Amino acid sequence: MTPRIAPLEPPYPPAAQAAFDAIMPKGVAPLTLFTTLARSERVYGKFRAGGLLDKGTITLREREIHDRPDLRADGQ
């Protein structure tokens, strides 16, 4: 099946390459999702700003406690 929107092909524009380098392990090609969204700097910027790739400000333990009311002090 041919994709409706073709992903970027290397060599990537400098801004896209910098963004890929920030989220992908060294030596690993960026995911097709990322290279497709990066066709539009605006779309890719909004995707990254959405926090989906952010490590977050709370630990995994804190997140687990929040998601399990039986572990929370307030029982909520």
N, C-alpha and C. Protein backbone atom coordinates (compact mmCIF):
# COMPACT_ATOMS: atom_id res chain seq x y z
N MET A 1 0.84 -1.18 0.00
CA MET A 1 0.00 0.00 0.00
C MET A 1 0.89 1.24 0.00
N THR A 2 0.61 2.16 -0.86
CA THR A 2 1.37 3.40 -0.95
C THR A 2 0.83 4.38 0.08
N PRO A 3 1.73 4.99 0.88
CA PRO A 3 1.24 5.95 1.86
C PRO A 3 0.67 7.19 1.18
N ARG A 4 -0.33 7.79 1.81
CA ARG A 4 -0.92 9.01 1.25
C ARG A 4 0.07 10.16 1.29
N ILE A 5 0.80 10.26 2.38
CA ILE A 5 1.82 11.30 2.52
C ILE A 5 3.15 10.58 2.67
N ALA A 6 4.02 10.79 1.74
CA ALA A 6 5.32 10.11 1.78
C ALA A 6 6.19 10.71 2.90
N PRO A 7 6.88 9.86 3.64
CA PRO A 7 7.77 10.38 4.68
C PRO A 7 8.98 11.08 4.06
N LEU A 8 9.62 11.92 4.85
CA LEU A 8 10.88 12.54 4.40
C LEU A 8 11.90 11.45 4.16
N GLU A 9 12.77 11.69 3.23
CA GLU A 9 13.87 10.78 2.95
C GLU A 9 15.18 11.46 3.33
N PRO A 10 16.17 10.69 3.80
CA PRO A 10 17.46 11.29 4.10
C PRO A 10 18.12 11.80 2.82
N PRO A 11 18.93 12.80 2.89
CA PRO A 11 19.30 13.57 4.08
C PRO A 11 18.15 14.50 4.50
N TYR A 12 17.91 14.52 5.80
CA TYR A 12 16.82 15.32 6.34
C TYR A 12 17.24 16.78 6.47
N PRO A 13 16.27 17.70 6.42
CA PRO A 13 16.60 19.11 6.67
C PRO A 13 17.23 19.23 8.06
N PRO A 14 18.12 20.20 8.26
CA PRO A 14 18.82 20.33 9.55
C PRO A 14 17.90 20.37 10.78
N ALA A 15 16.79 21.09 10.69
CA ALA A 15 15.89 21.18 11.85
C ALA A 15 15.27 19.82 12.16
N ALA A 16 14.87 19.11 11.12
CA ALA A 16 14.28 17.78 11.31
C ALA A 16 15.32 16.81 11.86
N GLN A 17 16.52 16.85 11.32
CA GLN A 17 17.58 15.96 11.79
C GLN A 17 17.88 16.20 13.26
N ALA A 18 17.92 17.47 13.67
CA ALA A 18 18.17 17.80 15.08
C ALA A 18 17.06 17.26 15.97
N ALA A 19 15.82 17.37 15.51
CA ALA A 19 14.69 16.85 16.29
C ALA A 19 14.76 15.33 16.39
N PHE A 20 15.08 14.67 15.30
CA PHE A 20 15.19 13.21 15.31
C PHE A 20 16.32 12.76 16.23
N ASP A 21 17.44 13.47 16.18
CA ASP A 21 18.58 13.13 17.02
C ASP A 21 18.24 13.25 18.51
N ALA A 22 17.33 14.18 18.83
CA ALA A 22 16.96 14.41 20.22
C ALA A 22 16.07 13.30 20.79
N ILE A 23 15.34 12.59 19.92
CA ILE A 23 14.39 11.61 20.44
C ILE A 23 14.73 10.17 20.10
N MET A 24 15.62 9.96 19.13
CA MET A 24 15.95 8.60 18.72
C MET A 24 17.32 8.21 19.27
N PRO A 25 17.49 6.94 19.64
CA PRO A 25 18.82 6.48 20.07
C PRO A 25 19.83 6.64 18.93
N LYS A 26 21.06 6.85 19.29
CA LYS A 26 22.12 7.03 18.29
C LYS A 26 22.19 5.80 17.38
N GLY A 27 22.23 6.07 16.08
CA GLY A 27 22.34 5.00 15.10
C GLY A 27 21.02 4.36 14.69
N VAL A 28 19.92 4.81 15.28
CA VAL A 28 18.60 4.25 14.94
C VAL A 28 17.87 5.24 14.05
N ALA A 29 17.35 4.75 12.93
CA ALA A 29 16.61 5.61 12.00
C ALA A 29 15.33 6.11 12.67
N PRO A 30 14.92 7.34 12.35
CA PRO A 30 13.67 7.85 12.93
C PRO A 30 12.47 7.03 12.45
N LEU A 31 11.48 6.94 13.31
CA LEU A 31 10.26 6.22 12.96
C LEU A 31 9.55 6.89 11.79
N THR A 32 8.88 6.10 10.98
CA THR A 32 8.15 6.64 9.83
C THR A 32 7.13 7.67 10.27
N LEU A 33 6.52 7.46 11.41
CA LEU A 33 5.57 8.44 11.94
C LEU A 33 6.23 9.81 12.03
N PHE A 34 7.44 9.85 12.60
CA PHE A 34 8.15 11.11 12.77
C PHE A 34 8.53 11.73 11.43
N THR A 35 9.05 10.91 10.52
CA THR A 35 9.49 11.46 9.24
C THR A 35 8.30 11.93 8.39
N THR A 36 7.16 11.31 8.57
CA THR A 36 5.96 11.75 7.86
C THR A 36 5.45 13.06 8.43
N LEU A 37 5.35 13.14 9.76
CA LEU A 37 4.89 14.38 10.38
C LEU A 37 5.86 15.53 10.11
N ALA A 38 7.14 15.22 10.01
CA ALA A 38 8.15 16.26 9.80
C ALA A 38 8.09 16.88 8.41
N ARG A 39 7.26 16.34 7.53
CA ARG A 39 7.05 16.98 6.22
C ARG A 39 6.58 18.41 6.43
N SER A 40 5.84 18.64 7.51
CA SER A 40 5.38 19.98 7.86
C SER A 40 6.00 20.36 9.20
N GLU A 41 6.84 21.39 9.20
CA GLU A 41 7.47 21.82 10.45
C GLU A 41 6.41 22.19 11.49
N ARG A 42 5.32 22.80 11.03
CA ARG A 42 4.25 23.22 11.95
C ARG A 42 3.59 22.00 12.60
N VAL A 43 3.24 21.01 11.80
CA VAL A 43 2.58 19.81 12.33
C VAL A 43 3.52 19.06 13.28
N TYR A 44 4.77 18.89 12.86
CA TYR A 44 5.71 18.16 13.70
C TYR A 44 5.99 18.91 14.99
N GLY A 45 6.09 20.22 14.91
CA GLY A 45 6.29 21.04 16.11
C GLY A 45 5.14 20.89 17.09
N LYS A 46 3.91 20.91 16.58
CA LYS A 46 2.74 20.74 17.45
C LYS A 46 2.70 19.34 18.05
N PHE A 47 3.07 18.34 17.27
CA PHE A 47 3.12 16.97 17.77
C PHE A 47 4.11 16.87 18.93
N ARG A 48 5.30 17.42 18.75
CA ARG A 48 6.32 17.36 19.80
C ARG A 48 5.93 18.20 21.01
N ALA A 49 5.27 19.30 20.78
CA ALA A 49 4.87 20.18 21.89
C ALA A 49 3.74 19.57 22.72
N GLY A 50 3.08 18.56 22.16
CA GLY A 50 1.98 17.92 22.87
C GLY A 50 2.42 17.10 24.06
N GLY A 51 3.70 16.90 24.23
CA GLY A 51 4.22 16.19 25.38
C GLY A 51 4.21 14.68 25.26
N LEU A 52 3.85 14.15 24.11
CA LEU A 52 3.81 12.70 23.97
C LEU A 52 5.19 12.08 24.11
N LEU A 53 6.21 12.85 23.76
CA LEU A 53 7.57 12.32 23.82
C LEU A 53 8.33 12.83 25.03
N ASP A 54 7.65 13.59 25.87
CA ASP A 54 8.27 14.17 27.06
C ASP A 54 8.39 13.10 28.14
N LYS A 55 9.53 13.07 28.80
CA LYS A 55 9.73 12.09 29.88
C LYS A 55 8.85 12.41 31.08
N GLY A 56 8.34 13.62 31.15
CA GLY A 56 7.44 14.00 32.23
C GLY A 56 8.15 14.54 33.45
N THR A 57 7.35 15.05 34.37
CA THR A 57 7.92 15.65 35.58
C THR A 57 7.73 14.79 36.82
N ILE A 58 7.04 13.66 36.65
CA ILE A 58 6.87 12.77 37.79
C ILE A 58 7.53 11.42 37.48
N THR A 59 7.90 10.73 38.53
CA THR A 59 8.54 9.43 38.34
C THR A 59 7.49 8.38 37.97
N LEU A 60 7.95 7.27 37.45
CA LEU A 60 7.02 6.18 37.14
C LEU A 60 6.29 5.72 38.39
N ARG A 61 6.98 5.70 39.52
CA ARG A 61 6.34 5.30 40.79
C ARG A 61 5.22 6.26 41.17
N GLU A 62 5.49 7.56 41.06
CA GLU A 62 4.46 8.55 41.38
C GLU A 62 3.26 8.40 40.44
N ARG A 63 3.53 8.13 39.18
CA ARG A 63 2.45 7.95 38.21
C ARG A 63 1.63 6.72 38.56
N GLU A 64 2.30 5.63 38.97
CA GLU A 64 1.60 4.41 39.35
C GLU A 64 0.72 4.66 40.56
N ILE A 65 1.24 5.38 41.54
CA ILE A 65 0.45 5.68 42.74
C ILE A 65 -0.77 6.51 42.37
N HIS A 66 -0.59 7.48 41.50
CA HIS A 66 -1.71 8.32 41.07
C HIS A 66 -2.78 7.49 40.38
N ASP A 67 -2.37 6.53 39.57
CA ASP A 67 -3.31 5.72 38.80
C ASP A 67 -3.98 4.63 39.63
N ARG A 68 -3.47 4.36 40.84
CA ARG A 68 -4.05 3.32 41.69
C ARG A 68 -4.56 3.92 42.99
N PRO A 69 -5.86 4.19 43.06
CA PRO A 69 -6.43 4.82 44.25
C PRO A 69 -6.15 4.05 45.54
N ASP A 70 -5.98 2.72 45.46
CA ASP A 70 -5.73 1.94 46.66
C ASP A 70 -4.35 2.27 47.28
N LEU A 71 -3.46 2.88 46.50
CA LEU A 71 -2.14 3.25 47.00
C LEU A 71 -2.07 4.71 47.44
N ARG A 72 -3.08 5.50 47.11
CA ARG A 72 -3.04 6.93 47.43
C ARG A 72 -3.54 7.19 48.85
N ALA A 73 -2.91 8.14 49.51
CA ALA A 73 -3.27 8.48 50.89
C ALA A 73 -4.69 8.99 50.98
N ASP A 74 -5.16 9.72 49.96
CA ASP A 74 -6.51 10.29 50.02
C ASP A 74 -7.59 9.33 49.53
N GLY A 75 -7.17 8.17 49.00
CA GLY A 75 -8.13 7.15 48.55
C GLY A 75 -8.94 7.55 47.34
N GLN A 76 -8.63 8.66 46.71
CA GLN A 76 -9.40 9.17 45.57
C GLN A 76 -8.93 8.53 44.29
